Protein backbone atom coordinates (compact mmCIF):
# COMPACT_ATOMS: atom_id res chain seq x y z
CA MET A 1 93.09 -0.63 120.33
CA PRO A 2 90.43 1.37 118.42
CA TRP A 3 92.78 3.41 116.25
CA THR A 4 91.38 6.46 114.47
CA HIS A 5 92.24 6.51 110.78
CA GLY A 6 92.78 9.39 108.40
CA ALA A 7 93.75 9.59 104.76
CA SER A 8 95.10 6.78 102.63
CA LEU A 9 98.78 6.58 101.65
CA ARG A 10 99.93 9.94 100.32
CA ALA A 11 101.70 10.09 96.96
CA ASP A 12 104.87 11.58 98.45
CA HIS A 13 105.00 8.90 101.11
CA ARG A 14 104.47 6.21 98.47
CA GLU A 15 107.40 7.61 96.48
CA ARG A 16 109.55 7.73 99.61
CA LEU A 17 108.81 4.07 100.30
CA ILE A 18 109.51 3.01 96.72
CA GLY A 19 112.73 5.01 96.72
CA ALA A 20 113.79 3.15 99.85
CA GLY A 21 113.09 -0.26 98.28
CA ALA A 22 109.39 -1.03 98.76
CA GLU A 23 107.92 -2.92 95.82
CA PRO A 24 105.16 -0.94 94.06
CA ASP A 25 102.92 -3.97 93.54
CA VAL A 26 103.12 -4.84 97.23
CA LEU A 27 102.11 -1.30 98.21
CA ALA A 28 99.30 -1.36 95.67
CA SER A 29 97.85 -4.50 97.25
CA LEU A 30 97.45 -2.90 100.68
CA ASP A 31 94.63 -0.90 102.25
CA LEU A 32 96.78 1.65 104.05
CA HIS A 33 95.43 4.53 106.13
CA GLU A 34 97.22 6.94 108.41
CA ILE A 35 96.67 6.53 112.14
CA THR A 36 95.79 9.89 113.62
CA ALA A 37 94.82 8.91 117.17
CA PRO A 38 95.30 7.93 119.90
CA LEU A 39 99.00 8.74 119.50
CA PRO A 40 101.30 10.51 121.96
CA ARG A 41 101.47 14.28 121.56
CA TRP A 42 105.16 14.12 120.77
CA TRP A 43 104.49 11.87 117.76
CA HIS A 44 102.67 14.63 115.87
CA GLU A 45 104.90 17.45 117.15
CA GLN A 46 107.95 15.70 115.69
CA GLY A 47 106.36 15.33 112.25
CA ASN A 48 106.12 11.53 112.25
CA THR A 49 103.63 9.47 110.23
CA LEU A 50 102.24 6.00 110.91
CA TYR A 51 100.15 3.98 108.45
CA ARG A 52 98.37 0.71 109.15
CA HIS A 53 96.95 -1.94 106.85
CA ALA A 54 93.35 -2.84 107.62
CA ASP A 55 92.82 -4.99 110.75
CA VAL A 56 96.52 -5.24 111.63
CA CYS A 57 97.21 -5.32 115.38
CA ILE A 58 99.62 -2.64 116.66
CA PRO A 59 100.02 -2.72 120.45
CA PRO A 60 99.95 0.85 121.84
CA GLU A 61 102.97 0.12 124.02
CA LEU A 62 105.07 -0.48 120.89
CA ILE A 63 104.54 3.18 119.98
CA GLU A 64 104.84 4.48 123.53
CA ARG A 65 108.27 2.87 124.01
CA MET A 66 109.60 4.80 121.00
CA ALA A 67 109.77 7.92 123.18
CA LEU A 68 113.04 6.64 124.69
CA ILE A 69 115.01 7.92 121.65
CA PRO A 70 114.15 11.30 120.04
CA PHE A 71 113.36 11.22 116.31
CA THR A 72 111.61 13.35 113.70
CA ASP A 73 110.11 12.97 110.20
CA ALA A 74 109.77 9.20 110.51
CA LEU A 75 107.57 7.25 108.10
CA VAL A 76 106.37 3.92 109.45
CA VAL A 77 104.06 1.58 107.55
CA ILE A 78 102.85 -1.57 109.29
CA ALA A 79 101.04 -4.16 107.18
CA SER A 80 101.51 -7.22 109.42
CA THR A 81 100.53 -7.81 113.00
CA VAL A 82 103.34 -6.81 115.35
CA GLU A 83 101.86 -7.84 118.68
CA ASN A 84 104.82 -10.21 119.25
CA MET A 85 107.52 -7.70 118.26
CA ALA A 86 109.86 -6.83 121.14
CA LYS A 87 110.98 -3.33 120.08
CA LEU A 88 110.55 -0.86 117.26
CA HIS A 89 112.90 2.06 117.86
CA LEU A 90 113.73 4.98 115.60
CA GLY A 91 116.37 7.68 115.85
CA GLU A 92 117.35 11.11 114.53
CA SER A 93 115.51 12.34 111.41
CA GLY A 94 114.06 10.68 108.33
CA ALA A 95 113.82 6.99 109.28
CA THR A 96 111.69 4.91 106.88
CA VAL A 97 110.23 1.56 107.95
CA PHE A 98 107.95 -0.74 105.96
CA LEU A 99 106.78 -4.01 107.49
CA GLY A 100 105.05 -5.77 104.61
CA PRO A 101 102.09 -8.18 104.65
CA ASP A 102 101.85 -11.84 105.69
CA SER A 103 104.83 -11.64 108.05
CA SER A 104 105.59 -12.56 111.64
CA TYR A 105 108.13 -10.94 113.95
CA THR A 106 108.45 -13.04 117.09
CA ALA A 107 110.47 -11.12 119.71
CA THR A 108 112.07 -9.07 116.93
CA ASP A 109 114.15 -6.03 117.90
CA LEU A 110 114.26 -3.36 115.19
CA TYR A 111 116.14 -0.05 115.11
CA CYS A 112 116.17 2.43 112.23
CA GLY A 113 118.28 5.57 112.46
CA GLY A 114 118.34 8.90 110.67
CA ASN A 115 117.97 8.83 106.87
CA SER A 116 118.08 5.03 107.06
CA ALA A 117 115.53 2.45 106.00
CA ILE A 118 114.27 -1.01 106.87
CA ILE A 119 112.04 -2.30 104.08
CA LEU A 120 110.63 -5.81 104.49
CA ASN A 121 108.36 -6.43 101.53
CA GLY A 122 106.38 -9.26 103.09
CA ALA A 123 105.94 -13.01 103.52
CA LEU A 124 108.75 -12.96 106.08
CA ALA A 125 108.98 -15.29 109.05
CA ALA A 126 111.44 -14.13 111.71
CA THR A 127 111.08 -17.11 114.00
CA ARG A 128 112.57 -15.70 117.23
CA CYS A 129 114.69 -12.79 118.45
CA ALA A 130 115.87 -11.34 115.14
CA ILE A 131 117.79 -8.06 115.51
CA LEU A 132 117.75 -5.52 112.67
CA ASP A 133 119.79 -2.33 112.89
CA ALA A 134 120.00 0.26 110.09
CA ARG A 135 121.87 3.54 110.68
CA ASN A 136 124.17 6.17 109.19
CA GLY A 137 122.08 6.33 106.02
CA GLY A 138 122.20 2.57 105.57
CA SER A 139 119.34 0.30 104.59
CA ILE A 140 118.06 -3.24 104.93
CA VAL A 141 115.77 -4.28 102.07
CA ALA A 142 114.23 -7.75 101.75
CA ALA A 143 112.19 -9.02 98.81
CA PRO A 144 109.11 -11.12 99.65
CA ASP A 145 109.52 -14.69 100.94
CA GLN A 146 112.10 -14.85 103.73
CA LEU A 147 112.71 -17.48 106.41
CA TRP A 148 114.98 -16.27 109.22
CA ALA A 149 115.79 -18.73 111.98
CA ALA A 150 116.27 -17.75 115.61
CA ASP A 151 118.73 -15.07 116.73
CA VAL A 152 119.80 -13.73 113.35
CA TYR A 153 121.59 -10.36 113.47
CA ILE A 154 121.36 -7.96 110.53
CA ALA A 155 123.17 -4.63 110.85
CA THR A 156 124.38 -2.03 108.38
CA ASP A 157 127.18 -0.89 110.72
CA ASP A 158 129.34 -1.92 113.66
CA MET A 159 128.19 1.19 115.57
CA HIS A 160 131.77 2.16 116.42
CA ARG A 161 134.56 3.45 114.21
CA LEU A 162 137.57 1.28 113.40
CA GLU A 163 140.34 3.07 111.53
CA ASP A 164 143.87 2.63 110.29
CA ALA A 165 146.11 4.03 113.03
CA ALA A 166 148.52 5.58 110.54
CA THR A 167 146.15 7.10 107.96
CA GLY A 168 142.89 7.53 109.89
CA VAL A 169 140.97 5.84 107.08
CA ARG A 170 137.85 4.06 108.31
CA LEU A 171 138.12 0.27 107.99
CA ASN A 172 134.72 -1.02 109.03
CA PRO A 173 131.37 -0.49 107.27
CA TYR A 174 129.46 2.79 107.46
CA GLY A 175 125.93 3.14 106.13
CA GLY A 176 125.88 -0.37 104.69
CA GLN A 177 123.35 -1.41 102.07
CA ILE A 178 121.96 -4.89 102.69
CA ARG A 179 119.79 -6.55 100.06
CA PHE A 180 117.98 -9.89 100.27
CA GLY A 181 116.59 -11.46 97.11
CA THR A 182 113.40 -13.48 97.16
CA HIS A 183 113.14 -16.85 98.96
CA VAL A 184 116.18 -16.51 101.25
CA TRP A 185 116.81 -18.76 104.26
CA LEU A 186 119.02 -17.57 107.10
CA GLY A 187 120.15 -20.24 109.53
CA ARG A 188 120.19 -19.81 113.29
CA ASP A 189 122.64 -17.17 114.62
CA ALA A 190 123.55 -15.95 111.13
CA ILE A 191 125.15 -12.49 111.03
CA ILE A 192 124.70 -10.20 108.02
CA THR A 193 126.56 -6.88 108.13
CA GLY A 194 128.08 -4.17 105.95
CA HIS A 195 127.43 -3.89 102.22
CA VAL A 196 125.80 -7.25 101.38
CA GLN A 197 123.80 -8.74 98.53
CA ILE A 198 122.16 -12.13 98.98
CA GLY A 199 120.73 -13.63 95.80
CA ASP A 200 117.37 -15.29 95.19
CA GLY A 201 116.97 -18.72 96.72
CA ALA A 202 120.21 -18.55 98.70
CA VAL A 203 120.83 -20.25 102.04
CA VAL A 204 123.09 -18.88 104.78
CA GLY A 205 124.22 -21.58 107.18
CA MET A 206 123.91 -21.61 110.94
CA ARG A 207 126.35 -19.26 112.77
CA SER A 208 127.76 -17.92 109.52
CA LEU A 209 129.07 -14.40 108.99
CA VAL A 210 128.27 -12.61 105.72
CA ARG A 211 130.17 -9.32 105.86
CA GLY A 212 130.67 -7.08 102.85
CA GLN A 213 130.00 -9.98 100.49
CA LYS A 214 127.83 -10.96 97.56
CA VAL A 215 126.11 -14.33 97.90
CA PRO A 216 125.15 -15.81 94.51
CA ALA A 217 121.58 -16.84 93.80
CA HIS A 218 120.75 -20.46 94.67
CA ALA A 219 123.99 -20.92 96.60
CA ALA A 220 124.51 -22.30 100.10
CA VAL A 221 127.16 -20.45 102.11
CA ALA A 222 128.60 -21.18 105.53
CA GLY A 223 131.47 -20.24 107.79
CA THR A 224 133.18 -17.13 109.15
CA PRO A 225 133.57 -15.43 106.79
CA ALA A 226 130.95 -17.22 104.72
CA ARG A 227 132.03 -19.09 101.60
CA VAL A 228 130.07 -20.99 98.99
CA ILE A 229 129.80 -24.64 99.96
CA ARG A 230 127.34 -25.64 97.23
CA ASP A 231 125.88 -24.11 94.08
CA GLY A 232 122.53 -24.80 92.47
CA VAL A 233 120.50 -25.42 95.62
CA ALA A 234 116.75 -25.17 96.04
CA TRP A 235 115.07 -25.19 99.42
CA THR A 236 111.53 -25.58 100.72
CA GLU A 237 109.89 -25.08 104.09
CA ASP A 238 108.54 -28.64 103.86
CA ASP A 239 110.63 -31.08 105.89
CA THR A 240 110.38 -34.17 103.67
CA PRO A 241 112.83 -36.99 102.77
């Protein structure tokens, strides 16, 4: 697609990204320019902005499918090729999405709702069918260097209210803040939801549930709910004896 480019990243948009969790040095390393055309008429009418890093492939149908859910004032910055991404959907007003450099999103399904953010700072490999869902003012922020195995599910909320029948107090997460440190490995079918912090170098085991928890740096956790099974671990993508 021969996209038409406009101005480079505006100062207010840069500050919005940094406020949402984008790393300033990562942004500074990118050649970002706004895409002005060809975009659907509704994209401009709803006050949305799309930036692309030089030579990154954005399939037009990825943008066209966004029309299924109305949204306004969205800021989307794409710095990695997304030709293999399944969906990129936004909702309501004020969604902020940053897909950092040197990443791959094979069959990834991403949703970002109003005043919510998904900030992936780069060097992320989502190997197959990752689902990311940020809503209700929640956010998902990942430092550079992530390895996510197939079918991981990362969501700030349960999407439905669960409350105490007697008091009416909400019991399940609302607008969760999820933070991944650098060099994190998520095993296949891992679920991350609610208010979560995962430390640098941590490993989340296959089919584990991390919900409203803090995972220490360089720890391996597993189970439902996840618990620390080993401290002081270091992992590498090399599969050696």
